[in-house]
N, C-alpha and C. Protein backbone atom coordinates (compact mmCIF):
# COMPACT_ATOMS: atom_id res chain seq x y z
N MET A 1 22.53 16.17 9.09
CA MET A 1 21.55 16.28 8.00
C MET A 1 20.32 15.46 8.35
N ALA A 2 19.25 15.77 7.72
CA ALA A 2 17.98 15.12 7.97
C ALA A 2 17.68 14.09 6.88
N GLN A 3 16.56 13.41 7.05
CA GLN A 3 16.04 12.50 6.04
C GLN A 3 14.66 13.01 5.62
N GLY A 4 14.10 12.41 4.59
CA GLY A 4 12.79 12.84 4.12
C GLY A 4 11.88 11.67 3.79
N ILE A 5 10.59 11.89 4.01
CA ILE A 5 9.56 10.93 3.60
C ILE A 5 8.59 11.69 2.70
N ILE A 6 8.33 11.11 1.54
CA ILE A 6 7.33 11.67 0.63
C ILE A 6 6.25 10.62 0.43
N LEU A 7 5.02 11.01 0.69
CA LEU A 7 3.89 10.09 0.62
C LEU A 7 3.29 10.11 -0.79
N ALA A 8 3.27 8.95 -1.43
CA ALA A 8 2.76 8.84 -2.80
C ALA A 8 2.00 7.53 -2.98
N GLY A 9 1.28 7.12 -1.96
CA GLY A 9 0.64 5.81 -1.99
C GLY A 9 -0.84 5.80 -2.28
N GLY A 10 -1.45 6.96 -2.46
CA GLY A 10 -2.90 7.02 -2.56
C GLY A 10 -3.47 6.65 -3.91
N TYR A 11 -4.79 6.74 -3.97
CA TYR A 11 -5.55 6.39 -5.17
C TYR A 11 -5.70 7.55 -6.14
N SER A 12 -5.46 8.78 -5.70
CA SER A 12 -5.72 9.97 -6.53
C SER A 12 -7.17 9.95 -7.02
N SER A 13 -8.08 9.59 -6.14
CA SER A 13 -9.47 9.33 -6.54
C SER A 13 -10.20 10.56 -7.07
N ARG A 14 -9.86 11.75 -6.59
CA ARG A 14 -10.54 12.95 -7.08
C ARG A 14 -10.11 13.31 -8.50
N ILE A 15 -8.92 12.87 -8.88
CA ILE A 15 -8.44 13.13 -10.24
C ILE A 15 -8.78 11.97 -11.17
N GLY A 16 -8.78 10.76 -10.62
CA GLY A 16 -9.11 9.60 -11.44
C GLY A 16 -7.94 9.01 -12.19
N GLN A 17 -6.75 9.52 -11.92
CA GLN A 17 -5.52 8.98 -12.50
C GLN A 17 -4.39 9.30 -11.53
N ASN A 18 -3.22 8.75 -11.79
CA ASN A 18 -2.09 8.95 -10.89
C ASN A 18 -1.61 10.40 -10.96
N LYS A 19 -1.92 11.17 -9.93
CA LYS A 19 -1.54 12.59 -9.97
C LYS A 19 -0.03 12.80 -9.82
N MET A 20 0.66 11.86 -9.22
CA MET A 20 2.10 12.02 -9.03
C MET A 20 2.86 12.05 -10.36
N THR A 21 2.27 11.45 -11.39
CA THR A 21 2.93 11.41 -12.69
C THR A 21 2.40 12.48 -13.65
N LEU A 22 1.44 13.28 -13.21
CA LEU A 22 0.94 14.36 -14.06
C LEU A 22 2.05 15.35 -14.37
N SER A 23 2.09 15.84 -15.57
CA SER A 23 3.12 16.79 -15.96
C SER A 23 2.85 18.16 -15.36
N TYR A 24 3.87 18.69 -14.69
CA TYR A 24 3.81 20.03 -14.12
C TYR A 24 5.12 20.71 -14.47
N LEU A 25 5.04 21.76 -15.25
CA LEU A 25 6.23 22.48 -15.71
C LEU A 25 7.25 21.54 -16.36
N GLY A 26 6.73 20.57 -17.12
CA GLY A 26 7.59 19.72 -17.93
C GLY A 26 8.09 18.44 -17.29
N GLU A 27 7.71 18.16 -16.06
CA GLU A 27 8.13 16.89 -15.46
C GLU A 27 7.06 16.40 -14.48
N PRO A 28 7.15 15.13 -14.07
CA PRO A 28 6.14 14.60 -13.17
C PRO A 28 6.04 15.41 -11.87
N LEU A 29 4.82 15.58 -11.42
CA LEU A 29 4.53 16.38 -10.22
C LEU A 29 5.43 16.01 -9.04
N ILE A 30 5.57 14.71 -8.79
CA ILE A 30 6.34 14.28 -7.62
C ILE A 30 7.81 14.70 -7.71
N CYS A 31 8.34 14.85 -8.91
CA CYS A 31 9.74 15.25 -9.07
C CYS A 31 10.00 16.64 -8.49
N HIS A 32 9.03 17.51 -8.55
CA HIS A 32 9.19 18.84 -7.97
C HIS A 32 9.30 18.76 -6.45
N CYS A 33 8.49 17.91 -5.85
CA CYS A 33 8.54 17.71 -4.41
C CYS A 33 9.91 17.16 -3.99
N ILE A 34 10.40 16.20 -4.75
CA ILE A 34 11.71 15.60 -4.47
C ILE A 34 12.82 16.64 -4.62
N LYS A 35 12.79 17.41 -5.71
CA LYS A 35 13.84 18.40 -5.97
C LYS A 35 13.93 19.45 -4.87
N SER A 36 12.79 19.90 -4.37
CA SER A 36 12.84 20.94 -3.35
C SER A 36 13.38 20.41 -2.03
N MET A 37 13.18 19.13 -1.75
CA MET A 37 13.65 18.54 -0.50
C MET A 37 15.12 18.10 -0.58
N THR A 38 15.57 17.67 -1.73
CA THR A 38 16.88 17.02 -1.89
C THR A 38 18.06 17.74 -1.25
N PRO A 39 18.22 19.06 -1.38
CA PRO A 39 19.41 19.69 -0.79
C PRO A 39 19.49 19.62 0.74
N PHE A 40 18.41 19.24 1.38
CA PHE A 40 18.35 19.31 2.84
C PHE A 40 18.34 17.95 3.51
N VAL A 41 18.49 16.88 2.72
CA VAL A 41 18.40 15.53 3.28
C VAL A 41 19.48 14.62 2.71
N THR A 42 19.79 13.57 3.46
CA THR A 42 20.71 12.55 2.98
C THR A 42 19.98 11.47 2.20
N ASP A 43 18.73 11.21 2.59
CA ASP A 43 17.92 10.16 1.96
C ASP A 43 16.49 10.65 1.84
N ILE A 44 15.82 10.18 0.80
CA ILE A 44 14.38 10.42 0.66
C ILE A 44 13.70 9.07 0.46
N PHE A 45 12.75 8.78 1.32
CA PHE A 45 11.96 7.56 1.22
C PHE A 45 10.61 7.93 0.63
N VAL A 46 10.38 7.50 -0.61
CA VAL A 46 9.09 7.75 -1.25
C VAL A 46 8.23 6.51 -1.03
N VAL A 47 7.12 6.71 -0.35
CA VAL A 47 6.23 5.59 -0.03
C VAL A 47 5.14 5.52 -1.09
N THR A 48 5.13 4.40 -1.81
CA THR A 48 4.15 4.19 -2.88
C THR A 48 3.08 3.21 -2.42
N GLY A 49 2.06 3.08 -3.24
CA GLY A 49 0.98 2.16 -2.94
C GLY A 49 0.26 1.77 -4.21
N HIS A 50 -0.91 2.35 -4.41
CA HIS A 50 -1.78 1.99 -5.53
C HIS A 50 -1.09 2.10 -6.89
N TYR A 51 -0.31 3.13 -7.10
CA TYR A 51 0.35 3.35 -8.40
C TYR A 51 1.84 3.00 -8.37
N HIS A 52 2.20 2.06 -7.54
CA HIS A 52 3.61 1.69 -7.37
C HIS A 52 4.30 1.40 -8.71
N GLN A 53 3.68 0.57 -9.54
CA GLN A 53 4.32 0.17 -10.80
C GLN A 53 4.53 1.34 -11.75
N GLU A 54 3.64 2.32 -11.73
CA GLU A 54 3.80 3.51 -12.58
C GLU A 54 4.90 4.43 -12.06
N LEU A 55 5.04 4.50 -10.75
CA LEU A 55 6.01 5.42 -10.16
C LEU A 55 7.43 4.87 -10.16
N LEU A 56 7.56 3.57 -10.05
CA LEU A 56 8.88 2.96 -9.91
C LEU A 56 9.88 3.37 -10.99
N PRO A 57 9.53 3.34 -12.28
CA PRO A 57 10.51 3.73 -13.30
C PRO A 57 10.96 5.19 -13.20
N ILE A 58 10.10 6.04 -12.68
CA ILE A 58 10.45 7.46 -12.50
C ILE A 58 11.37 7.61 -11.29
N LEU A 59 11.01 6.97 -10.20
CA LEU A 59 11.69 7.19 -8.92
C LEU A 59 13.03 6.49 -8.80
N GLU A 60 13.16 5.31 -9.38
CA GLU A 60 14.39 4.54 -9.16
C GLU A 60 15.62 5.15 -9.81
N LYS A 61 15.43 6.13 -10.68
CA LYS A 61 16.55 6.81 -11.34
C LYS A 61 17.05 8.03 -10.56
N ILE A 62 16.32 8.44 -9.54
CA ILE A 62 16.62 9.70 -8.87
C ILE A 62 17.57 9.47 -7.69
N PRO A 63 18.72 10.18 -7.67
CA PRO A 63 19.66 10.04 -6.55
C PRO A 63 18.99 10.34 -5.21
N LYS A 64 19.44 9.66 -4.19
CA LYS A 64 18.98 9.80 -2.81
C LYS A 64 17.61 9.17 -2.54
N VAL A 65 16.90 8.75 -3.59
CA VAL A 65 15.54 8.24 -3.41
C VAL A 65 15.54 6.72 -3.26
N SER A 66 14.85 6.26 -2.22
CA SER A 66 14.54 4.84 -2.04
C SER A 66 13.03 4.71 -2.09
N VAL A 67 12.56 3.71 -2.80
CA VAL A 67 11.12 3.50 -2.94
C VAL A 67 10.68 2.45 -1.92
N ILE A 68 9.67 2.79 -1.15
CA ILE A 68 9.10 1.89 -0.15
C ILE A 68 7.67 1.57 -0.59
N TYR A 69 7.39 0.31 -0.85
CA TYR A 69 6.03 -0.07 -1.24
C TYR A 69 5.22 -0.39 0.02
N ASN A 70 4.14 0.33 0.21
CA ASN A 70 3.24 0.10 1.34
C ASN A 70 2.16 -0.89 0.89
N GLU A 71 2.28 -2.11 1.32
CA GLU A 71 1.34 -3.16 0.91
C GLU A 71 -0.07 -2.92 1.43
N ILE A 72 -0.21 -2.16 2.50
CA ILE A 72 -1.55 -1.94 3.08
C ILE A 72 -2.02 -0.50 2.87
N TYR A 73 -1.60 0.11 1.76
CA TYR A 73 -1.98 1.49 1.45
C TYR A 73 -3.49 1.69 1.46
N HIS A 74 -4.24 0.64 1.12
CA HIS A 74 -5.70 0.73 1.07
C HIS A 74 -6.32 0.97 2.45
N GLN A 75 -5.53 0.83 3.52
CA GLN A 75 -6.03 1.07 4.87
C GLN A 75 -5.87 2.53 5.30
N GLY A 76 -5.40 3.39 4.41
CA GLY A 76 -5.35 4.81 4.72
C GLY A 76 -3.95 5.40 4.66
N MET A 77 -3.91 6.74 4.59
CA MET A 77 -2.64 7.46 4.43
C MET A 77 -1.68 7.21 5.59
N PHE A 78 -2.21 7.04 6.80
CA PHE A 78 -1.30 6.89 7.93
C PHE A 78 -0.48 5.61 7.83
N THR A 79 -0.98 4.60 7.13
CA THR A 79 -0.17 3.39 6.94
C THR A 79 1.07 3.71 6.10
N SER A 80 0.94 4.67 5.19
CA SER A 80 2.11 5.10 4.41
C SER A 80 3.06 5.91 5.27
N VAL A 81 2.52 6.72 6.16
CA VAL A 81 3.37 7.45 7.12
C VAL A 81 4.21 6.45 7.90
N LEU A 82 3.56 5.43 8.45
CA LEU A 82 4.28 4.44 9.26
C LEU A 82 5.29 3.65 8.42
N ALA A 83 4.94 3.34 7.18
CA ALA A 83 5.88 2.63 6.31
C ALA A 83 7.15 3.45 6.11
N GLY A 84 7.00 4.75 5.93
CA GLY A 84 8.16 5.62 5.79
C GLY A 84 8.94 5.76 7.08
N VAL A 85 8.22 5.95 8.17
CA VAL A 85 8.87 6.14 9.48
C VAL A 85 9.68 4.91 9.87
N ASN A 86 9.28 3.74 9.41
CA ASN A 86 10.04 2.53 9.71
C ASN A 86 11.42 2.52 9.06
N HIS A 87 11.69 3.46 8.18
CA HIS A 87 13.00 3.52 7.51
C HIS A 87 13.88 4.69 7.96
N VAL A 88 13.32 5.65 8.66
CA VAL A 88 14.13 6.81 9.06
C VAL A 88 14.86 6.54 10.38
N THR A 89 16.01 7.16 10.52
CA THR A 89 16.82 7.02 11.74
C THR A 89 17.27 8.38 12.26
N GLU A 90 16.97 9.43 11.52
CA GLU A 90 17.38 10.79 11.87
C GLU A 90 16.16 11.70 11.90
N ASP A 91 16.37 12.98 12.27
CA ASP A 91 15.31 13.97 12.13
C ASP A 91 14.81 13.89 10.69
N PHE A 92 13.51 14.13 10.49
CA PHE A 92 13.00 13.96 9.13
C PHE A 92 11.86 14.92 8.78
N PHE A 93 11.80 15.20 7.49
CA PHE A 93 10.68 15.92 6.90
C PHE A 93 9.67 14.88 6.42
N ILE A 94 8.40 15.25 6.44
CA ILE A 94 7.38 14.39 5.85
C ILE A 94 6.38 15.27 5.12
N ILE A 95 6.08 14.87 3.89
CA ILE A 95 5.21 15.68 3.03
C ILE A 95 4.50 14.79 2.01
N PRO A 96 3.24 15.07 1.72
CA PRO A 96 2.61 14.38 0.60
C PRO A 96 3.28 14.79 -0.71
N GLY A 97 3.32 13.89 -1.67
CA GLY A 97 4.03 14.13 -2.92
C GLY A 97 3.36 15.11 -3.86
N ASP A 98 2.18 15.60 -3.49
CA ASP A 98 1.47 16.54 -4.37
C ASP A 98 1.61 17.99 -3.91
N TYR A 99 2.72 18.30 -3.27
CA TYR A 99 3.08 19.68 -2.88
C TYR A 99 4.33 20.07 -3.67
N PRO A 100 4.17 20.53 -4.90
CA PRO A 100 5.33 20.75 -5.77
C PRO A 100 6.07 22.07 -5.58
N ASN A 101 5.51 23.00 -4.82
CA ASN A 101 6.09 24.35 -4.80
C ASN A 101 6.64 24.81 -3.46
N VAL A 102 7.02 23.90 -2.59
CA VAL A 102 7.60 24.31 -1.32
C VAL A 102 8.99 24.90 -1.58
N LEU A 103 9.25 26.05 -1.01
CA LEU A 103 10.51 26.76 -1.24
C LEU A 103 11.64 26.25 -0.35
N SER A 104 12.86 26.43 -0.83
CA SER A 104 14.06 26.05 -0.06
C SER A 104 14.09 26.73 1.30
N ASN A 105 13.69 27.99 1.34
CA ASN A 105 13.71 28.73 2.61
C ASN A 105 12.86 28.06 3.68
N THR A 106 11.78 27.41 3.25
CA THR A 106 10.92 26.72 4.21
C THR A 106 11.66 25.55 4.84
N TYR A 107 12.33 24.75 4.02
CA TYR A 107 13.11 23.64 4.57
C TYR A 107 14.19 24.15 5.52
N GLU A 108 14.86 25.22 5.14
CA GLU A 108 15.91 25.80 6.00
C GLU A 108 15.33 26.26 7.33
N SER A 109 14.20 26.94 7.29
CA SER A 109 13.58 27.44 8.52
C SER A 109 13.17 26.31 9.45
N LEU A 110 12.64 25.24 8.88
CA LEU A 110 12.24 24.10 9.70
C LEU A 110 13.46 23.39 10.29
N LEU A 111 14.51 23.25 9.50
CA LEU A 111 15.74 22.63 10.00
C LEU A 111 16.33 23.40 11.17
N ASP A 112 16.23 24.71 11.12
CA ASP A 112 16.81 25.56 12.16
C ASP A 112 16.01 25.54 13.46
N ASN A 113 14.78 25.07 13.40
CA ASN A 113 13.92 25.10 14.58
C ASN A 113 14.29 23.97 15.54
N LYS A 114 14.19 24.22 16.82
CA LYS A 114 14.61 23.23 17.83
C LYS A 114 13.46 22.41 18.41
N ALA A 115 12.23 22.71 18.04
CA ALA A 115 11.08 21.99 18.59
C ALA A 115 11.09 20.52 18.15
N PHE A 116 10.39 19.68 18.92
CA PHE A 116 10.27 18.27 18.55
C PHE A 116 9.57 18.10 17.21
N ILE A 117 8.56 18.94 16.98
CA ILE A 117 7.83 18.94 15.72
C ILE A 117 7.70 20.38 15.27
N SER A 118 8.08 20.65 14.03
CA SER A 118 7.96 22.00 13.47
C SER A 118 6.97 21.96 12.31
N VAL A 119 6.06 22.94 12.33
CA VAL A 119 5.00 23.01 11.33
C VAL A 119 5.07 24.36 10.63
N PRO A 120 5.21 24.39 9.30
CA PRO A 120 5.25 25.68 8.62
C PRO A 120 3.86 26.32 8.58
N VAL A 121 3.84 27.64 8.69
CA VAL A 121 2.58 28.39 8.68
C VAL A 121 2.72 29.55 7.70
N TYR A 122 1.71 29.69 6.85
CA TYR A 122 1.66 30.80 5.90
C TYR A 122 0.28 31.43 6.02
N GLN A 123 0.24 32.73 6.27
CA GLN A 123 -1.00 33.47 6.45
C GLN A 123 -1.93 32.76 7.44
N ASN A 124 -1.36 32.39 8.58
CA ASN A 124 -2.08 31.74 9.69
C ASN A 124 -2.65 30.37 9.36
N LYS A 125 -2.15 29.72 8.32
CA LYS A 125 -2.61 28.37 7.96
C LYS A 125 -1.44 27.41 8.01
N LYS A 126 -1.63 26.30 8.71
CA LYS A 126 -0.60 25.28 8.79
C LYS A 126 -0.52 24.52 7.47
N GLY A 127 0.71 24.14 7.11
CA GLY A 127 0.92 23.41 5.86
C GLY A 127 1.92 22.29 5.99
N HIS A 128 2.55 21.95 4.89
CA HIS A 128 3.54 20.87 4.80
C HIS A 128 4.81 21.41 4.18
N PRO A 129 5.95 20.82 4.54
CA PRO A 129 6.17 19.58 5.27
C PRO A 129 6.20 19.79 6.78
N LEU A 130 6.02 18.72 7.52
CA LEU A 130 6.32 18.72 8.94
C LEU A 130 7.78 18.31 9.09
N PHE A 131 8.40 18.79 10.15
CA PHE A 131 9.76 18.36 10.47
C PHE A 131 9.72 17.77 11.87
N ILE A 132 10.13 16.51 11.99
CA ILE A 132 10.00 15.77 13.24
C ILE A 132 11.38 15.29 13.70
N LYS A 133 11.68 15.54 14.96
CA LYS A 133 12.97 15.12 15.53
C LYS A 133 13.01 13.60 15.73
N LYS A 134 14.21 13.05 15.61
CA LYS A 134 14.36 11.60 15.69
C LYS A 134 13.96 11.04 17.05
N SER A 135 13.96 11.87 18.09
CA SER A 135 13.56 11.39 19.41
C SER A 135 12.10 10.94 19.45
N LEU A 136 11.31 11.32 18.46
CA LEU A 136 9.90 10.92 18.41
C LEU A 136 9.62 9.74 17.48
N ILE A 137 10.66 9.22 16.83
CA ILE A 137 10.45 8.14 15.86
C ILE A 137 9.78 6.93 16.52
N ASP A 138 10.31 6.48 17.66
CA ASP A 138 9.73 5.30 18.31
C ASP A 138 8.28 5.52 18.71
N ASP A 139 7.96 6.70 19.23
CA ASP A 139 6.57 7.00 19.59
C ASP A 139 5.67 6.98 18.37
N LEU A 140 6.16 7.53 17.28
CA LEU A 140 5.35 7.57 16.05
C LEU A 140 5.12 6.15 15.52
N ARG A 141 6.12 5.30 15.62
CA ARG A 141 5.97 3.91 15.16
C ARG A 141 4.91 3.15 15.95
N LYS A 142 4.63 3.60 17.17
CA LYS A 142 3.64 2.92 18.04
C LYS A 142 2.21 3.41 17.81
N GLU A 143 2.05 4.42 16.98
CA GLU A 143 0.70 4.94 16.70
C GLU A 143 -0.15 3.87 16.02
N PRO A 144 -1.45 3.82 16.34
CA PRO A 144 -2.33 2.87 15.66
C PRO A 144 -2.51 3.22 14.18
N LEU A 145 -2.82 2.24 13.38
CA LEU A 145 -2.96 2.43 11.93
C LEU A 145 -4.03 3.45 11.57
N ASP A 146 -5.03 3.61 12.43
CA ASP A 146 -6.12 4.54 12.11
C ASP A 146 -5.87 5.95 12.66
N SER A 147 -4.67 6.22 13.13
CA SER A 147 -4.31 7.55 13.62
C SER A 147 -4.00 8.46 12.43
N ASN A 148 -3.48 9.64 12.73
CA ASN A 148 -3.01 10.54 11.67
C ASN A 148 -1.97 11.48 12.25
N LEU A 149 -1.27 12.18 11.39
CA LEU A 149 -0.18 13.06 11.85
C LEU A 149 -0.68 14.20 12.72
N LYS A 150 -1.88 14.68 12.45
CA LYS A 150 -2.42 15.78 13.25
C LYS A 150 -2.64 15.33 14.70
N VAL A 151 -3.19 14.15 14.89
CA VAL A 151 -3.40 13.59 16.23
C VAL A 151 -2.05 13.44 16.92
N PHE A 152 -1.09 12.87 16.22
CA PHE A 152 0.25 12.67 16.79
C PHE A 152 0.89 14.01 17.14
N ARG A 153 0.86 14.94 16.21
CA ARG A 153 1.44 16.27 16.40
C ARG A 153 0.86 16.96 17.62
N ASN A 154 -0.43 16.89 17.78
CA ASN A 154 -1.10 17.61 18.86
C ASN A 154 -0.82 17.01 20.24
N ARG A 155 -0.31 15.81 20.28
CA ARG A 155 0.03 15.17 21.54
C ARG A 155 1.38 15.65 22.09
N TYR A 156 2.16 16.29 21.25
CA TYR A 156 3.50 16.73 21.63
C TYR A 156 3.62 18.23 21.49
N PHE A 157 4.69 18.76 22.08
CA PHE A 157 4.97 20.18 21.88
C PHE A 157 5.40 20.36 20.43
N TYR A 158 4.68 21.19 19.72
CA TYR A 158 5.10 21.52 18.36
C TYR A 158 5.15 23.02 18.24
N GLU A 159 5.96 23.46 17.31
CA GLU A 159 6.11 24.89 17.10
C GLU A 159 5.72 25.25 15.68
N GLU A 160 4.96 26.32 15.58
CA GLU A 160 4.60 26.85 14.27
C GLU A 160 5.73 27.77 13.80
N VAL A 161 6.17 27.55 12.58
CA VAL A 161 7.24 28.34 12.00
C VAL A 161 6.65 29.15 10.85
N THR A 162 6.59 30.46 11.03
CA THR A 162 6.02 31.32 9.99
C THR A 162 6.98 31.41 8.81
N VAL A 163 6.45 31.12 7.62
CA VAL A 163 7.25 31.17 6.40
C VAL A 163 6.52 32.01 5.36
N ASN A 164 7.28 32.59 4.45
CA ASN A 164 6.70 33.34 3.34
C ASN A 164 6.66 32.42 2.12
N ASP A 165 5.75 31.44 2.18
CA ASP A 165 5.74 30.38 1.18
C ASP A 165 4.33 29.81 1.01
N ALA A 166 3.62 30.29 0.00
CA ALA A 166 2.28 29.77 -0.28
C ALA A 166 2.34 28.30 -0.69
N GLY A 167 3.50 27.82 -1.12
CA GLY A 167 3.65 26.44 -1.55
C GLY A 167 3.35 25.41 -0.48
N ILE A 168 3.45 25.81 0.80
CA ILE A 168 3.16 24.86 1.88
C ILE A 168 1.68 24.51 1.95
N LEU A 169 0.85 25.28 1.25
CA LEU A 169 -0.60 25.06 1.25
C LEU A 169 -1.12 24.55 -0.09
N GLN A 170 -0.25 24.49 -1.09
CA GLN A 170 -0.69 24.20 -2.47
C GLN A 170 -0.54 22.73 -2.83
N ASP A 171 -1.56 21.95 -2.50
CA ASP A 171 -1.56 20.56 -2.93
C ASP A 171 -2.47 20.41 -4.14
N ILE A 172 -2.33 19.30 -4.81
CA ILE A 172 -3.08 19.05 -6.04
C ILE A 172 -4.07 17.92 -5.78
N ASP A 173 -5.35 18.27 -5.71
CA ASP A 173 -6.39 17.26 -5.53
C ASP A 173 -7.23 17.05 -6.78
N THR A 174 -7.26 18.06 -7.65
CA THR A 174 -8.06 17.97 -8.88
C THR A 174 -7.24 18.51 -10.05
N LEU A 175 -7.70 18.23 -11.25
CA LEU A 175 -7.04 18.79 -12.43
C LEU A 175 -7.14 20.31 -12.44
N LYS A 176 -8.23 20.83 -11.89
CA LYS A 176 -8.38 22.28 -11.80
C LYS A 176 -7.30 22.89 -10.89
N ASP A 177 -6.99 22.20 -9.78
CA ASP A 177 -5.90 22.66 -8.90
C ASP A 177 -4.59 22.76 -9.68
N LEU A 178 -4.32 21.75 -10.50
CA LEU A 178 -3.09 21.74 -11.29
C LEU A 178 -3.09 22.88 -12.31
N GLU A 179 -4.22 23.07 -12.97
CA GLU A 179 -4.33 24.16 -13.95
C GLU A 179 -4.10 25.51 -13.29
N GLN A 180 -4.67 25.71 -12.11
CA GLN A 180 -4.49 26.97 -11.37
C GLN A 180 -3.02 27.19 -11.01
N LEU A 181 -2.37 26.12 -10.59
CA LEU A 181 -0.97 26.22 -10.21
C LEU A 181 -0.10 26.57 -11.41
N VAL A 182 -0.39 25.97 -12.54
CA VAL A 182 0.35 26.27 -13.77
C VAL A 182 0.15 27.74 -14.14
N LEU A 183 -1.07 28.23 -14.03
CA LEU A 183 -1.35 29.63 -14.36
C LEU A 183 -0.57 30.59 -13.47
N THR A 184 -0.41 30.25 -12.20
CA THR A 184 0.33 31.14 -11.29
C THR A 184 1.83 31.13 -11.58
N LYS A 185 2.31 30.08 -12.24
CA LYS A 185 3.74 29.99 -12.57
C LYS A 185 4.08 30.63 -13.91
N GLU A 186 3.06 30.91 -14.73
CA GLU A 186 3.33 31.48 -16.06
C GLU A 186 3.52 32.97 -16.00
């Protein structure tokens, strides 16, 4: 089985409030991301930052979830990636917490892939989550703080996995994004 990292450490600056706790289909946005990943992992490490205190009461009740506080979240998203990677020991998924609609089939397809890094693709567009083999954990831990997953991914052989899942592209950056997503679910 694999492990999972969910990134939830940002400022949500385009929304102006904690987007991870925004209600989507009756529960906090991040809970949807956790639920879709849960059947495919033994552990989920949710990396928090700016809104740690708001997220903690929600996250600490969820089975399989461990909360990792990234003290240097203000230095960028990749610091949260590294904070999560410091806790994984197996192959792992990594996804920002504002992707609530990733389908189970996507996780299955990525798990079945043998590449060092697997990237889901929908309509010729790369999305999330990435699936990274444990053999790359040490290399990823050595990345500089100002790096990013795209730079790391491009340095290694990665495989694009075509999926029939628009959810891999649907992140929430604004309240309008959330409203649009709700409309598509009604």
